Structures are given as structure tokens and as C-alpha cells.
Amino acid sequence: MSTGRFSRLAETDRQTVNFFVDDVATAALEGDTLLVAILASGKQVRRSEFGDGNRAGFCLMGSCQDCWVSTDSGARVKACLTRVEPGMRVRTKDVKLKWTNKE
């Protein structure tokens, strides 16, 4: 039984990719986006920076801005458009998002 919001029903024979979400080791399947991987292992992608609500993605195609997470380097990425890479580290909690490219 799945513990996440998403349950994988098919394509379970792909290679496992290990990465970290908020310093917790997490597994995905090769080709998964961060959104799929995070929601397959949990119930939310992040907390809203504009309120107290949980966010789980909305449009699933990069338009709604609902699934922003950050890498350990501080780069913002859309979880629905970013593929999981081995060893990747992403932050969903206490994210200090950089809204511009200016320092």
C-alpha cells in the first residue's frame, strides 16, 4: 500500500534513483519528475509561502507555479518539470526562494 498521494500502477520495472528531500533519503524511478517522486512518497510537495496551506502541484505542466522547490544550491525548480537525478538534493521546507537573478 502506498503512503503517498500518488500510487504507482505501472512502469514499476524502471531503475531506482536515490535522491534526498529535506535531507531524507528518497527513492524514485528513472524518468520520474520531482513532483511524481515527492508525491509518491508523501502527501505534499511544500508549504505555501503565502499562507499556511500545503501545496501538491496543480496543473502538472509548469504553468501554475504551485510546485516550486529549491536545490541545495538555492536554485528554484518546478518539481513537475524537473527530472530526478541520482544524488539530487531538494528542499521543500523553509525554502528561501530567490525571486530574481540579482543578488
PDB file of N, CA and C in Angstrom:
ATOM      1  N   MET A   1       0.833  -1.182   0.000  1.00  0.00           N
ATOM      2  CA  MET A   1       0.000   0.000   0.000  1.00  0.00           C
ATOM      3  C   MET A   1       0.880   1.248   0.000  1.00  0.00           C
ATOM      4  N   SER A   2       0.551   2.205  -0.803  1.00  0.00           N
ATOM      5  CA  SER A   2       1.331   3.430  -0.913  1.00  0.00           C
ATOM      6  C   SER A   2       1.082   4.342   0.289  1.00  0.00           C
ATOM      7  N   THR A   3       2.134   5.041   0.699  1.00  0.00           N
ATOM      8  CA  THR A   3       1.989   6.017   1.778  1.00  0.00           C
ATOM      9  C   THR A   3       1.857   7.428   1.228  1.00  0.00           C
ATOM     10  N   GLY A   4       2.007   7.579  -0.075  1.00  0.00           N
ATOM     11  CA  GLY A   4       1.970   8.900  -0.681  1.00  0.00           C
ATOM     12  C   GLY A   4       0.628   9.245  -1.295  1.00  0.00           C
ATOM     13  N   ARG A   5       0.578  10.432  -1.850  1.00  0.00           N
ATOM     14  CA  ARG A   5      -0.628  10.905  -2.536  1.00  0.00           C
ATOM     15  C   ARG A   5      -0.785  10.179  -3.876  1.00  0.00           C
ATOM     16  N   PHE A   6       0.338   9.859  -4.540  1.00  0.00           N
ATOM     17  CA  PHE A   6       0.307   9.122  -5.804  1.00  0.00           C
ATOM     18  C   PHE A   6       0.607   7.662  -5.540  1.00  0.00           C
ATOM     19  N   SER A   7      -0.053   6.766  -6.256  1.00  0.00           N
ATOM     20  CA  SER A   7       0.231   5.334  -6.208  1.00  0.00           C
ATOM     21  C   SER A   7       0.655   4.890  -7.593  1.00  0.00           C
ATOM     22  N   ARG A   8       1.797   4.228  -7.673  1.00  0.00           N
ATOM     23  CA  ARG A   8       2.315   3.771  -8.958  1.00  0.00           C
ATOM     24  C   ARG A   8       1.596   2.483  -9.349  1.00  0.00           C
ATOM     25  N   LEU A   9       0.989   2.496 -10.531  1.00  0.00           N
ATOM     26  CA  LEU A   9       0.248   1.337 -11.010  1.00  0.00           C
ATOM     27  C   LEU A   9       0.955   0.617 -12.154  1.00  0.00           C
ATOM     28  N   ALA A  10       1.858   1.304 -12.832  1.00  0.00           N
ATOM     29  CA  ALA A  10       2.523   0.723 -13.994  1.00  0.00           C
ATOM     30  C   ALA A  10       3.978   1.183 -14.040  1.00  0.00           C
ATOM     31  N   GLU A  11       4.714   0.654 -14.970  1.00  0.00           N
ATOM     32  CA  GLU A  11       6.120   1.007 -15.197  1.00  0.00           C
ATOM     33  C   GLU A  11       6.957   0.859 -13.935  1.00  0.00           C
ATOM     34  N   THR A  12       6.721  -0.202 -13.205  1.00  0.00           N
ATOM     35  CA  THR A  12       7.453  -0.420 -11.957  1.00  0.00           C
ATOM     36  C   THR A  12       8.807  -1.094 -12.181  1.00  0.00           C
ATOM     37  N   ASP A  13       9.143  -1.424 -13.416  1.00  0.00           N
ATOM     38  CA  ASP A  13      10.390  -2.132 -13.697  1.00  0.00           C
ATOM     39  C   ASP A  13      11.548  -1.199 -14.073  1.00  0.00           C
ATOM     40  N   ARG A  14      11.371   0.120 -13.958  1.00  0.00           N
ATOM     41  CA  ARG A  14      12.460   1.054 -14.245  1.00  0.00           C
ATOM     42  C   ARG A  14      13.484   1.049 -13.110  1.00  0.00           C
ATOM     43  N   GLN A  15      14.696   1.482 -13.406  1.00  0.00           N
ATOM     44  CA  GLN A  15      15.772   1.544 -12.415  1.00  0.00           C
ATOM     45  C   GLN A  15      15.422   2.500 -11.284  1.00  0.00           C
ATOM     46  N   THR A  16      15.858   2.175 -10.074  1.00  0.00           N
ATOM     47  CA  THR A  16      15.664   3.047  -8.915  1.00  0.00           C
ATOM     48  C   THR A  16      16.709   4.150  -8.927  1.00  0.00           C
ATOM     49  N   VAL A  17      16.279   5.355  -8.603  1.00  0.00           N
ATOM     50  CA  VAL A  17      17.162   6.516  -8.482  1.00  0.00           C
ATOM     51  C   VAL A  17      17.017   7.032  -7.059  1.00  0.00           C
ATOM     52  N   ASN A  18      18.136   7.158  -6.351  1.00  0.00           N
ATOM     53  CA  ASN A  18      18.109   7.643  -4.979  1.00  0.00           C
ATOM     54  C   ASN A  18      18.448   9.122  -4.946  1.00  0.00           C
ATOM     55  N   PHE A  19      17.684   9.883  -4.167  1.00  0.00           N
ATOM     56  CA  PHE A  19      17.915  11.312  -4.010  1.00  0.00           C
ATOM     57  C   PHE A  19      17.450  11.716  -2.621  1.00  0.00           C
ATOM     58  N   PHE A  20      17.533  12.998  -2.287  1.00  0.00           N
ATOM     59  CA  PHE A  20      17.193  13.467  -0.949  1.00  0.00           C
ATOM     60  C   PHE A  20      16.162  14.582  -1.019  1.00  0.00           C
ATOM     61  N   VAL A  21      15.168  14.488  -0.153  1.00  0.00           N
ATOM     62  CA  VAL A  21      14.164  15.538   0.006  1.00  0.00           C
ATOM     63  C   VAL A  21      14.249  16.001   1.451  1.00  0.00           C
ATOM     64  N   ASP A  22      14.649  17.248   1.641  1.00  0.00           N
ATOM     65  CA  ASP A  22      14.815  17.787   3.001  1.00  0.00           C
ATOM     66  C   ASP A  22      15.702  16.879   3.847  1.00  0.00           C
ATOM     67  N   ASP A  23      16.803  16.423   3.249  1.00  0.00           N
ATOM     68  CA  ASP A  23      17.815  15.571   3.901  1.00  0.00           C
ATOM     69  C   ASP A  23      17.323  14.163   4.227  1.00  0.00           C
ATOM     70  N   VAL A  24      16.181  13.766   3.703  1.00  0.00           N
ATOM     71  CA  VAL A  24      15.669  12.409   3.900  1.00  0.00           C
ATOM     72  C   VAL A  24      15.894  11.622   2.612  1.00  0.00           C
ATOM     73  N   ALA A  25      16.562  10.483   2.723  1.00  0.00           N
ATOM     74  CA  ALA A  25      16.798   9.640   1.550  1.00  0.00           C
ATOM     75  C   ALA A  25      15.455   9.188   0.982  1.00  0.00           C
ATOM     76  N   THR A  26      15.304   9.365  -0.328  1.00  0.00           N
ATOM     77  CA  THR A  26      14.057   9.055  -1.012  1.00  0.00           C
ATOM     78  C   THR A  26      14.400   8.317  -2.300  1.00  0.00           C
ATOM     79  N   ALA A  27      13.545   7.415  -2.717  1.00  0.00           N
ATOM     80  CA  ALA A  27      13.763   6.673  -3.956  1.00  0.00           C
ATOM     81  C   ALA A  27      12.702   7.049  -4.978  1.00  0.00           C
ATOM     82  N   ALA A  28      13.124   7.103  -6.222  1.00  0.00           N
ATOM     83  CA  ALA A  28      12.223   7.347  -7.352  1.00  0.00           C
ATOM     84  C   ALA A  28      12.559   6.317  -8.410  1.00  0.00           C
ATOM     85  N   LEU A  29      11.848   6.353  -9.492  1.00  0.00           N
ATOM     86  CA  LEU A  29      12.191   5.511 -10.625  1.00  0.00           C
ATOM     87  C   LEU A  29      12.760   6.390 -11.724  1.00  0.00           C
ATOM     88  N   GLU A  30      13.705   5.848 -12.457  1.00  0.00           N
ATOM     89  CA  GLU A  30      14.347   6.578 -13.543  1.00  0.00           C
ATOM     90  C   GLU A  30      13.288   7.184 -14.462  1.00  0.00           C
ATOM     91  N   GLY A  31      13.428   8.486 -14.739  1.00  0.00           N
ATOM     92  CA  GLY A  31      12.475   9.190 -15.589  1.00  0.00           C
ATOM     93  C   GLY A  31      11.389   9.930 -14.834  1.00  0.00           C
ATOM     94  N   ASP A  32      11.270   9.685 -13.525  1.00  0.00           N
ATOM     95  CA  ASP A  32      10.273  10.392 -12.724  1.00  0.00           C
ATOM     96  C   ASP A  32      10.620  11.867 -12.598  1.00  0.00           C
ATOM     97  N   THR A  33       9.605  12.700 -12.548  1.00  0.00           N
ATOM     98  CA  THR A  33       9.829  14.091 -12.189  1.00  0.00           C
ATOM     99  C   THR A  33       9.886  14.189 -10.664  1.00  0.00           C
ATOM    100  N   LEU A  34      10.411  15.297 -10.177  1.00  0.00           N
ATOM    101  CA  LEU A  34      10.420  15.512  -8.729  1.00  0.00           C
ATOM    102  C   LEU A  34       9.017  15.466  -8.159  1.00  0.00           C
ATOM    103  N   LEU A  35       8.057  16.027  -8.870  1.00  0.00           N
ATOM    104  CA  LEU A  35       6.674  16.042  -8.376  1.00  0.00           C
ATOM    105  C   LEU A  35       6.152  14.626  -8.168  1.00  0.00           C
ATOM    106  N   VAL A  36       6.328  13.770  -9.147  1.00  0.00           N
ATOM    107  CA  VAL A  36       5.874  12.380  -9.021  1.00  0.00           C
ATOM    108  C   VAL A  36       6.603  11.689  -7.883  1.00  0.00           C
ATOM    109  N   ALA A  37       7.915  11.861  -7.817  1.00  0.00           N
ATOM    110  CA  ALA A  37       8.700  11.188  -6.784  1.00  0.00           C
ATOM    111  C   ALA A  37       8.323  11.662  -5.385  1.00  0.00           C
ATOM    112  N   ILE A  38       8.157  12.968  -5.212  1.00  0.00           N
ATOM    113  CA  ILE A  38       7.811  13.502  -3.891  1.00  0.00           C
ATOM    114  C   ILE A  38       6.402  13.075  -3.485  1.00  0.00           C
ATOM    115  N   LEU A  39       5.456  13.144  -4.401  1.00  0.00           N
ATOM    116  CA  LEU A  39       4.076  12.781  -4.059  1.00  0.00           C
ATOM    117  C   LEU A  39       3.871  11.275  -3.953  1.00  0.00           C
ATOM    118  N   ALA A  40       4.743  10.482  -4.547  1.00  0.00           N
ATOM    119  CA  ALA A  40       4.667   9.031  -4.371  1.00  0.00           C
ATOM    120  C   ALA A  40       5.153   8.627  -2.978  1.00  0.00           C
ATOM    121  N   SER A  41       5.953   9.498  -2.348  1.00  0.00           N
ATOM    122  CA  SER A  41       6.476   9.169  -1.027  1.00  0.00           C
ATOM    123  C   SER A  41       5.854  10.002   0.093  1.00  0.00           C
ATOM    124  N   GLY A  42       5.016  10.978  -0.248  1.00  0.00           N
ATOM    125  CA  GLY A  42       4.414  11.828   0.771  1.00  0.00           C
ATOM    126  C   GLY A  42       3.121  12.449   0.292  1.00  0.00           C
ATOM    127  N   LYS A  43       2.549  13.293   1.115  1.00  0.00           N
ATOM    128  CA  LYS A  43       1.240  13.865   0.812  1.00  0.00           C
ATOM    129  C   LYS A  43       1.287  15.282   0.260  1.00  0.00           C
ATOM    130  N   GLN A  44       2.449  15.938   0.286  1.00  0.00           N
ATOM    131  CA  GLN A  44       2.539  17.314  -0.187  1.00  0.00           C
ATOM    132  C   GLN A  44       3.909  17.565  -0.791  1.00  0.00           C
ATOM    133  N   VAL A  45       3.987  18.587  -1.626  1.00  0.00           N
ATOM    134  CA  VAL A  45       5.267  18.981  -2.198  1.00  0.00           C
ATOM    135  C   VAL A  45       5.942  20.007  -1.300  1.00  0.00           C
ATOM    136  N   ARG A  46       5.164  20.947  -0.792  1.00  0.00           N
ATOM    137  CA  ARG A  46       5.724  22.006   0.047  1.00  0.00           C
ATOM    138  C   ARG A  46       4.606  22.738   0.760  1.00  0.00           C
ATOM    139  N   ARG A  47       4.972  23.700   1.580  1.00  0.00           N
ATOM    140  CA  ARG A  47       4.023  24.606   2.223  1.00  0.00           C
ATOM    141  C   ARG A  47       4.000  25.893   1.424  1.00  0.00           C
ATOM    142  N   SER A  48       2.869  26.516   1.354  1.00  0.00           N
ATOM    143  CA  SER A  48       2.743  27.774   0.626  1.00  0.00           C
ATOM    144  C   SER A  48       3.539  28.867   1.320  1.00  0.00           C
ATOM    145  N   GLU A  49       4.248  29.650   0.528  1.00  0.00           N
ATOM    146  CA  GLU A  49       4.967  30.783   1.101  1.00  0.00           C
ATOM    147  C   GLU A  49       4.048  31.973   1.344  1.00  0.00           C
ATOM    148  N   PHE A  50       2.803  31.886   0.871  1.00  0.00           N
ATOM    149  CA  PHE A  50       1.847  32.979   1.010  1.00  0.00           C
ATOM    150  C   PHE A  50       0.754  32.694   2.029  1.00  0.00           C
ATOM    151  N   GLY A  51       0.827  31.572   2.697  1.00  0.00           N
ATOM    152  CA  GLY A  51      -0.180  31.199   3.674  1.00  0.00           C
ATOM    153  C   GLY A  51       0.245  29.934   4.376  1.00  0.00           C
ATOM    154  N   ASP A  52      -0.692  29.269   5.016  1.00  0.00           N
ATOM    155  CA  ASP A  52      -0.346  28.072   5.771  1.00  0.00           C
ATOM    156  C   ASP A  52      -0.794  26.787   5.087  1.00  0.00           C
ATOM    157  N   GLY A  53      -1.124  26.853   3.817  1.00  0.00           N
ATOM    158  CA  GLY A  53      -1.622  25.669   3.128  1.00  0.00           C
ATOM    159  C   GLY A  53      -0.543  24.782   2.556  1.00  0.00           C
ATOM    160  N   ASN A  54      -0.828  23.491   2.504  1.00  0.00           N
ATOM    161  CA  ASN A  54       0.046  22.538   1.837  1.00  0.00           C
ATOM    162  C   ASN A  54      -0.156  22.651   0.334  1.00  0.00           C
ATOM    163  N   ARG A  55       0.892  22.438  -0.420  1.00  0.00           N
ATOM    164  CA  ARG A  55       0.823  22.507  -1.874  1.00  0.00           C
ATOM    165  C   ARG A  55       1.192  21.139  -2.440  1.00  0.00           C
ATOM    166  N   ALA A  56       0.465  20.701  -3.465  1.00  0.00           N
ATOM    167  CA  ALA A  56       0.727  19.394  -4.068  1.00  0.00           C
ATOM    168  C   ALA A  56       0.812  19.484  -5.581  1.00  0.00           C
ATOM    169  N   GLY A  57       1.053  20.669  -6.105  1.00  0.00           N
ATOM    170  CA  GLY A  57       1.033  20.827  -7.552  1.00  0.00           C
ATOM    171  C   GLY A  57      -0.408  21.006  -7.997  1.00  0.00           C
ATOM    172  N   PHE A  58      -0.590  21.603  -9.125  1.00  0.00           N
ATOM    173  CA  PHE A  58      -1.944  21.868  -9.594  1.00  0.00           C
ATOM    174  C   PHE A  58      -2.094  21.472 -11.052  1.00  0.00           C
ATOM    175  N   CYS A  59      -1.330  22.109 -11.925  1.00  0.00           N
ATOM    176  CA  CYS A  59      -1.541  21.894 -13.359  1.00  0.00           C
ATOM    177  C   CYS A  59      -0.750  20.710 -13.916  1.00  0.00           C
ATOM    178  N   LEU A  60       0.332  20.352 -13.250  1.00  0.00           N
ATOM    179  CA  LEU A  60       1.212  19.242 -13.658  1.00  0.00           C
ATOM    180  C   LEU A  60       1.909  19.475 -14.997  1.00  0.00           C
ATOM    181  N   MET A  61       1.966  20.740 -15.453  1.00  0.00           N
ATOM    182  CA  MET A  61       2.645  21.032 -16.725  1.00  0.00           C
ATOM    183  C   MET A  61       3.450  22.331 -16.698  1.00  0.00           C
ATOM    184  N   GLY A  62       3.731  22.877 -15.521  1.00  0.00           N
ATOM    185  CA  GLY A  62       4.626  24.012 -15.409  1.00  0.00           C
ATOM    186  C   GLY A  62       4.011  25.383 -15.516  1.00  0.00           C
ATOM    187  N   SER A  63       2.702  25.483 -15.550  1.00  0.00           N
ATOM    188  CA  SER A  63       2.057  26.785 -15.721  1.00  0.00           C
ATOM    189  C   SER A  63       1.633  27.451 -14.421  1.00  0.00           C
ATOM    190  N   CYS A  64       1.303  26.699 -13.412  1.00  0.00           N
ATOM    191  CA  CYS A  64       0.610  27.279 -12.249  1.00  0.00           C
ATOM    192  C   CYS A  64       1.528  27.823 -11.159  1.00  0.00           C
ATOM    193  N   GLN A  65       2.796  27.499 -11.169  1.00  0.00           N
ATOM    194  CA  GLN A  65       3.743  27.972 -10.151  1.00  0.00           C
ATOM    195  C   GLN A  65       3.514  27.351  -8.773  1.00  0.00           C
ATOM    196  N   ASP A  66       2.804  26.266  -8.683  1.00  0.00           N
ATOM    197  CA  ASP A  66       2.430  25.684  -7.399  1.00  0.00           C
ATOM    198  C   ASP A  66       3.468  24.713  -6.839  1.00  0.00           C
ATOM    199  N   CYS A  67       4.376  24.224  -7.655  1.00  0.00           N
ATOM    200  CA  CYS A  67       5.265  23.143  -7.215  1.00  0.00           C
ATOM    201  C   CYS A  67       6.728  23.547  -7.099  1.00  0.00           C
ATOM    202  N   TRP A  68       7.009  24.835  -6.917  1.00  0.00           N
ATOM    203  CA  TRP A  68       8.400  25.273  -6.762  1.00  0.00           C
ATOM    204  C   TRP A  68       9.051  24.588  -5.566  1.00  0.00           C
ATOM    205  N   VAL A  69      10.253  24.075  -5.770  1.00  0.00           N
ATOM    206  CA  VAL A  69      11.117  23.591  -4.700  1.00  0.00           C
ATOM    207  C   VAL A  69      12.487  24.178  -4.985  1.00  0.00           C
ATOM    208  N   SER A  70      13.438  23.985  -4.103  1.00  0.00           N
ATOM    209  CA  SER A  70      14.771  24.505  -4.373  1.00  0.00           C
ATOM    210  C   SER A  70      15.802  23.405  -4.235  1.00  0.00           C
ATOM    211  N   THR A  71      16.897  23.580  -4.941  1.00  0.00           N
ATOM    212  CA  THR A  71      18.021  22.664  -4.813  1.00  0.00           C
ATOM    213  C   THR A  71      18.878  23.144  -3.657  1.00  0.00           C
ATOM    214  N   ASP A  72      19.824  22.324  -3.230  1.00  0.00           N
ATOM    215  CA  ASP A  72      20.712  22.740  -2.149  1.00  0.00           C
ATOM    216  C   ASP A  72      21.528  23.977  -2.515  1.00  0.00           C
ATOM    217  N   SER A  73      21.724  24.210  -3.811  1.00  0.00           N
ATOM    218  CA  SER A  73      22.466  25.395  -4.240  1.00  0.00           C
ATOM    219  C   SER A  73      21.599  26.653  -4.197  1.00  0.00           C
ATOM    220  N   GLY A  74      20.297  26.489  -3.924  1.00  0.00           N
ATOM    221  CA  GLY A  74      19.394  27.625  -3.845  1.00  0.00           C
ATOM    222  C   GLY A  74      18.623  27.907  -5.121  1.00  0.00           C
ATOM    223  N   ALA A  75      18.872  27.143  -6.160  1.00  0.00           N
ATOM    224  CA  ALA A  75      18.153  27.336  -7.422  1.00  0.00           C
ATOM    225  C   ALA A  75      16.705  26.883  -7.272  1.00  0.00           C
ATOM    226  N   ARG A  76      15.792  27.677  -7.793  1.00  0.00           N
ATOM    227  CA  ARG A  76      14.373  27.290  -7.798  1.00  0.00           C
ATOM    228  C   ARG A  76      14.108  26.419  -9.019  1.00  0.00           C
ATOM    229  N   VAL A  77      13.351  25.353  -8.824  1.00  0.00           N
ATOM    230  CA  VAL A  77      12.964  24.496  -9.942  1.00  0.00           C
ATOM    231  C   VAL A  77      11.497  24.124  -9.783  1.00  0.00           C
ATOM    232  N   LYS A  78      10.843  23.927 -10.889  1.00  0.00           N
ATOM    233  CA  LYS A  78       9.466  23.431 -10.862  1.00  0.00           C
ATOM    234  C   LYS A  78       9.531  21.911 -10.765  1.00  0.00           C
ATOM    235  N   ALA A  79       8.951  21.364  -9.716  1.00  0.00           N
ATOM    236  CA  ALA A  79       9.017  19.926  -9.487  1.00  0.00           C
ATOM    237  C   ALA A  79       8.352  19.131 -10.606  1.00  0.00           C
ATOM    238  N   CYS A  80       7.332  19.714 -11.243  1.00  0.00           N
ATOM    239  CA  CYS A  80       6.612  18.980 -12.286  1.00  0.00           C
ATOM    240  C   CYS A  80       7.397  18.895 -13.595  1.00  0.00           C
ATOM    241  N   LEU A  81       8.418  19.726 -13.752  1.00  0.00           N
ATOM    242  CA  LEU A  81       9.200  19.743 -14.998  1.00  0.00           C
ATOM    243  C   LEU A  81      10.622  19.246 -14.819  1.00  0.00           C
ATOM    244  N   THR A  82      11.035  18.965 -13.597  1.00  0.00           N
ATOM    245  CA  THR A  82      12.420  18.600 -13.314  1.00  0.00           C
ATOM    246  C   THR A  82      12.531  17.116 -13.033  1.00  0.00           C
ATOM    247  N   ARG A  83      13.352  16.439 -13.811  1.00  0.00           N
ATOM    248  CA  ARG A  83      13.549  15.003 -13.605  1.00  0.00           C
ATOM    249  C   ARG A  83      14.493  14.763 -12.426  1.00  0.00           C
ATOM    250  N   VAL A  84      14.235  13.713 -11.683  1.00  0.00           N
ATOM    251  CA  VAL A  84      15.088  13.319 -10.567  1.00  0.00           C
ATOM    252  C   VAL A  84      16.428  12.843 -11.122  1.00  0.00           C
ATOM    253  N   GLU A  85      17.493  13.295 -10.503  1.00  0.00           N
ATOM    254  CA  GLU A  85      18.847  12.864 -10.841  1.00  0.00           C
ATOM    255  C   GLU A  85      19.436  12.143  -9.631  1.00  0.00           C
ATOM    256  N   PRO A  86      20.277  11.136  -9.854  1.00  0.00           N
ATOM    257  CA  PRO A  86      20.884  10.424  -8.727  1.00  0.00           C
ATOM    258  C   PRO A  86      21.642  11.382  -7.809  1.00  0.00           C
ATOM    259  N   GLY A  87      21.393  11.252  -6.499  1.00  0.00           N
ATOM    260  CA  GLY A  87      22.078  12.075  -5.516  1.00  0.00           C
ATOM    261  C   GLY A  87      21.546  13.492  -5.370  1.00  0.00           C
ATOM    262  N   MET A  88      20.563  13.864  -6.175  1.00  0.00           N
ATOM    263  CA  MET A  88      19.989  15.213  -6.128  1.00  0.00           C
ATOM    264  C   MET A  88      19.486  15.510  -4.718  1.00  0.00           C
ATOM    265  N   ARG A  89      19.605  16.776  -4.317  1.00  0.00           N
ATOM    266  CA  ARG A  89      19.107  17.221  -3.011  1.00  0.00           C
ATOM    267  C   ARG A  89      18.173  18.394  -3.232  1.00  0.00           C
ATOM    268  N   VAL A  90      16.933  18.233  -2.782  1.00  0.00           N
ATOM    269  CA  VAL A  90      15.950  19.308  -2.920  1.00  0.00           C
ATOM    270  C   VAL A  90      15.382  19.674  -1.557  1.00  0.00           C
ATOM    271  N   ARG A  91      14.928  20.903  -1.476  1.00  0.00           N
ATOM    272  CA  ARG A  91      14.341  21.438  -0.250  1.00  0.00           C
ATOM    273  C   ARG A  91      12.896  21.821  -0.516  1.00  0.00           C
ATOM    274  N   THR A  92      12.028  21.385   0.383  1.00  0.00           N
ATOM    275  CA  THR A  92      10.615  21.766   0.298  1.00  0.00           C
ATOM    276  C   THR A  92      10.186  22.557   1.517  1.00  0.00           C
ATOM    277  N   LYS A  93      10.992  22.536   2.557  1.00  0.00           N
ATOM    278  CA  LYS A  93      10.660  23.209   3.819  1.00  0.00           C
ATOM    279  C   LYS A  93      11.610  24.373   4.042  1.00  0.00           C
ATOM    280  N   ASP A  94      11.080  25.452   4.599  1.00  0.00           N
ATOM    281  CA  ASP A  94      11.900  26.623   4.913  1.00  0.00           C
ATOM    282  C   ASP A  94      12.736  27.066   3.726  1.00  0.00           C
ATOM    283  N   VAL A  95      12.121  27.040   2.568  1.00  0.00           N
ATOM    284  CA  VAL A  95      12.813  27.405   1.343  1.00  0.00           C
ATOM    285  C   VAL A  95      12.936  28.919   1.263  1.00  0.00           C
ATOM    286  N   LYS A  96      14.123  29.397   1.042  1.00  0.00           N
ATOM    287  CA  LYS A  96      14.364  30.819   0.808  1.00  0.00           C
ATOM    288  C   LYS A  96      14.477  30.995  -0.702  1.00  0.00           C
ATOM    289  N   LEU A  97      13.355  31.212  -1.335  1.00  0.00           N
ATOM    290  CA  LEU A  97      13.334  31.294  -2.792  1.00  0.00           C
ATOM    291  C   LEU A  97      13.958  32.581  -3.280  1.00  0.00           C
ATOM    292  N   LYS A  98      14.755  32.466  -4.330  1.00  0.00           N
ATOM    293  CA  LYS A  98      15.332  33.623  -4.984  1.00  0.00           C
ATOM    294  C   LYS A  98      14.406  34.014  -6.115  1.00  0.00           C
ATOM    295  N   TRP A  99      13.751  35.153  -5.997  1.00  0.00           N
ATOM    296  CA  TRP A  99      12.753  35.556  -6.972  1.00  0.00           C
ATOM    297  C   TRP A  99      13.347  36.264  -8.187  1.00  0.00           C
ATOM    298  N   THR A 100      14.607  36.659  -8.128  1.00  0.00           N
ATOM    299  CA  THR A 100      15.269  37.265  -9.283  1.00  0.00           C
ATOM    300  C   THR A 100      16.658  36.672  -9.406  1.00  0.00           C
ATOM    301  N   ASN A 101      17.310  36.956 -10.520  1.00  0.00           N
ATOM    302  CA  ASN A 101      18.682  36.504 -10.712  1.00  0.00           C
ATOM    303  C   ASN A 101      19.674  37.482 -10.093  1.00  0.00           C
ATOM    304  N   LYS A 102      19.209  38.598  -9.592  1.00  0.00           N
ATOM    305  CA  LYS A 102      20.085  39.589  -8.988  1.00  0.00           C
ATOM    306  C   LYS A 102      20.366  39.206  -7.541  1.00  0.00           C
ATOM    307  N   GLU A 103      21.586  39.423  -7.109  1.00  0.00           N
ATOM    308  CA  GLU A 103      21.976  39.126  -5.721  1.00  0.00           C
ATOM    309  C   GLU A 103      21.646  40.280  -4.823  1.00  0.00           C
TER     310      GLU A 103
END
